[in-house]
Amino acid sequence: MEHNSILQNQKEPISQLFWNDDFGGGTLVFPELGISFQPEPGDLVFFEEGQKNMCSITKISEKPLYMSEAWVGKFGQLWMPSKEPYEKIQWDNWEIKGF
């Protein structure tokens, strides 16, 4: 299955919370919607996943950008296409960086 066809079928809510603004670059861009903005501390962006709402962040310079991102879904639902169910992931080998 192609990446784009997977995205077209996804309708999960996503949130992005921005923690700082002392970095260069880092503009949040939604190309299909023609929307872009420079996030400030405390900005919360909430949108539905999908091809139309694909977004990116422009190159970050100077200091790092700190943000949190979360996907919301039903318990037991596959959390990523073509991945194991969340409950079956062996989390012992995972590492979270940047917090």
C-alpha atoms as a PDB file:
ATOM      1  CA  MET A   1       0.000   0.000   0.000  1.00  0.00           C
ATOM      2  CA  GLU A   2       1.384   3.406  -0.918  1.00  0.00           C
ATOM      3  CA  HIS A   3       2.031   6.042   1.745  1.00  0.00           C
ATOM      4  CA  ASN A   4      -0.445   8.507   0.179  1.00  0.00           C
ATOM      5  CA  SER A   5      -3.291   5.974   0.110  1.00  0.00           C
ATOM      6  CA  ILE A   6      -2.666   5.208   3.789  1.00  0.00           C
ATOM      7  CA  LEU A   7      -2.880   8.916   4.645  1.00  0.00           C
ATOM      8  CA  GLN A   8      -6.106   9.357   2.709  1.00  0.00           C
ATOM      9  CA  ASN A   9      -7.782   6.722   4.889  1.00  0.00           C
ATOM     10  CA  GLN A  10      -6.511   8.098   8.210  1.00  0.00           C
ATOM     11  CA  LYS A  11      -8.799  10.403  10.172  1.00  0.00           C
ATOM     12  CA  GLU A  12      -7.117  10.482  13.584  1.00  0.00           C
ATOM     13  CA  PRO A  13      -6.821  13.743  15.517  1.00  0.00           C
ATOM     14  CA  ILE A  14      -3.278  15.034  16.060  1.00  0.00           C
ATOM     15  CA  SER A  15      -2.109  17.719  18.465  1.00  0.00           C
ATOM     16  CA  GLN A  16       1.139  19.661  18.544  1.00  0.00           C
ATOM     17  CA  LEU A  17       2.096  21.779  21.560  1.00  0.00           C
ATOM     18  CA  PHE A  18       4.960  24.264  21.189  1.00  0.00           C
ATOM     19  CA  TRP A  19       7.140  24.994  24.225  1.00  0.00           C
ATOM     20  CA  ASN A  20       9.606  27.695  23.156  1.00  0.00           C
ATOM     21  CA  ASP A  21      10.223  30.458  20.622  1.00  0.00           C
ATOM     22  CA  ASP A  22      13.958  31.168  21.017  1.00  0.00           C
ATOM     23  CA  PHE A  23      14.930  29.310  17.823  1.00  0.00           C
ATOM     24  CA  GLY A  24      15.393  30.402  14.234  1.00  0.00           C
ATOM     25  CA  GLY A  25      13.157  29.063  11.456  1.00  0.00           C
ATOM     26  CA  GLY A  26      10.628  26.454  12.551  1.00  0.00           C
ATOM     27  CA  THR A  27       7.588  27.825  10.730  1.00  0.00           C
ATOM     28  CA  LEU A  28       4.690  25.333  10.715  1.00  0.00           C
ATOM     29  CA  VAL A  29       3.426  24.927   7.133  1.00  0.00           C
ATOM     30  CA  PHE A  30       0.275  23.252   5.775  1.00  0.00           C
ATOM     31  CA  PRO A  31       0.977  23.418   2.002  1.00  0.00           C
ATOM     32  CA  GLU A  32      -2.363  22.002   0.785  1.00  0.00           C
ATOM     33  CA  LEU A  33      -4.275  24.528   2.894  1.00  0.00           C
ATOM     34  CA  GLY A  34      -2.011  27.494   2.157  1.00  0.00           C
ATOM     35  CA  ILE A  35      -1.505  28.090   5.890  1.00  0.00           C
ATOM     36  CA  SER A  36       1.727  28.800   7.743  1.00  0.00           C
ATOM     37  CA  PHE A  37       2.606  30.441  11.045  1.00  0.00           C
ATOM     38  CA  GLN A  38       5.455  30.916  13.479  1.00  0.00           C
ATOM     39  CA  PRO A  39       4.546  29.081  16.705  1.00  0.00           C
ATOM     40  CA  GLU A  40       4.862  30.731  20.106  1.00  0.00           C
ATOM     41  CA  PRO A  41       5.165  29.073  23.534  1.00  0.00           C
ATOM     42  CA  GLY A  42       1.840  27.539  24.528  1.00  0.00           C
ATOM     43  CA  ASP A  43       0.425  27.345  20.996  1.00  0.00           C
ATOM     44  CA  LEU A  44      -1.610  24.158  20.570  1.00  0.00           C
ATOM     45  CA  VAL A  45      -2.364  23.029  17.031  1.00  0.00           C
ATOM     46  CA  PHE A  46      -5.079  20.391  16.730  1.00  0.00           C
ATOM     47  CA  PHE A  47      -6.051  18.899  13.355  1.00  0.00           C
ATOM     48  CA  GLU A  48      -7.235  15.722  11.657  1.00  0.00           C
ATOM     49  CA  GLU A  49      -4.575  13.557  10.022  1.00  0.00           C
ATOM     50  CA  GLY A  50      -4.812  13.139   6.261  1.00  0.00           C
ATOM     51  CA  GLN A  51      -3.342  14.053   2.894  1.00  0.00           C
ATOM     52  CA  LYS A  52      -5.088  17.443   2.888  1.00  0.00           C
ATOM     53  CA  ASN A  53      -3.690  18.323   6.335  1.00  0.00           C
ATOM     54  CA  MET A  54      -0.096  17.179   5.854  1.00  0.00           C
ATOM     55  CA  CYS A  55       2.260  19.633   7.494  1.00  0.00           C
ATOM     56  CA  SER A  56       5.952  20.308   7.905  1.00  0.00           C
ATOM     57  CA  ILE A  57       8.235  22.576   9.884  1.00  0.00           C
ATOM     58  CA  THR A  58      10.815  24.666   8.057  1.00  0.00           C
ATOM     59  CA  LYS A  59      14.504  24.170   8.838  1.00  0.00           C
ATOM     60  CA  ILE A  60      15.369  25.082  12.420  1.00  0.00           C
ATOM     61  CA  SER A  61      18.505  27.132  13.063  1.00  0.00           C
ATOM     62  CA  GLU A  62      20.213  28.437  16.167  1.00  0.00           C
ATOM     63  CA  LYS A  63      18.582  26.883  19.252  1.00  0.00           C
ATOM     64  CA  PRO A  64      16.368  23.756  19.225  1.00  0.00           C
ATOM     65  CA  LEU A  65      12.584  23.765  18.866  1.00  0.00           C
ATOM     66  CA  TYR A  66      10.788  21.947  21.695  1.00  0.00           C
ATOM     67  CA  MET A  67       7.342  20.560  21.019  1.00  0.00           C
ATOM     68  CA  SER A  68       5.075  17.688  22.003  1.00  0.00           C
ATOM     69  CA  GLU A  69       3.012  15.755  19.504  1.00  0.00           C
ATOM     70  CA  ALA A  70       0.216  13.265  20.188  1.00  0.00           C
ATOM     71  CA  TRP A  71      -2.154  11.154  18.114  1.00  0.00           C
ATOM     72  CA  VAL A  72      -5.582  10.356  19.514  1.00  0.00           C
ATOM     73  CA  GLY A  73      -7.285   7.066  18.706  1.00  0.00           C
ATOM     74  CA  LYS A  74      -9.494   4.316  20.027  1.00  0.00           C
ATOM     75  CA  PHE A  75      -8.010   1.758  22.421  1.00  0.00           C
ATOM     76  CA  GLY A  76      -6.888  -1.349  20.557  1.00  0.00           C
ATOM     77  CA  GLN A  77      -6.840   0.401  17.195  1.00  0.00           C
ATOM     78  CA  LEU A  78      -3.659   0.074  15.131  1.00  0.00           C
ATOM     79  CA  TRP A  79      -1.617   3.128  16.049  1.00  0.00           C
ATOM     80  CA  MET A  80       0.345   3.209  12.789  1.00  0.00           C
ATOM     81  CA  PRO A  81      -0.482   1.521   9.473  1.00  0.00           C
ATOM     82  CA  SER A  82       1.374  -1.786   8.939  1.00  0.00           C
ATOM     83  CA  LYS A  83       2.671  -1.823  12.532  1.00  0.00           C
ATOM     84  CA  GLU A  84       2.011  -4.167  15.431  1.00  0.00           C
ATOM     85  CA  PRO A  85      -0.897  -3.284  17.727  1.00  0.00           C
ATOM     86  CA  TYR A  86       0.225  -0.882  20.452  1.00  0.00           C
ATOM     87  CA  GLU A  87      -0.249  -3.507  23.181  1.00  0.00           C
ATOM     88  CA  LYS A  88       2.173  -5.930  21.453  1.00  0.00           C
ATOM     89  CA  ILE A  89       5.095  -3.508  20.987  1.00  0.00           C
ATOM     90  CA  GLN A  90       8.210  -4.417  22.993  1.00  0.00           C
ATOM     91  CA  TRP A  91       8.782  -1.002  24.580  1.00  0.00           C
ATOM     92  CA  ASP A  92      11.965  -2.052  26.441  1.00  0.00           C
ATOM     93  CA  ASN A  93      14.076  -1.205  23.376  1.00  0.00           C
ATOM     94  CA  TRP A  94      12.539   2.226  22.722  1.00  0.00           C
ATOM     95  CA  GLU A  95      14.111   5.501  23.790  1.00  0.00           C
ATOM     96  CA  ILE A  96      12.444   8.905  23.989  1.00  0.00           C
ATOM     97  CA  LYS A  97      14.759  11.840  23.349  1.00  0.00           C
ATOM     98  CA  GLY A  98      14.287  15.564  23.707  1.00  0.00           C
ATOM     99  CA  PHE A  99      12.369  15.663  26.968  1.00  0.00           C
END
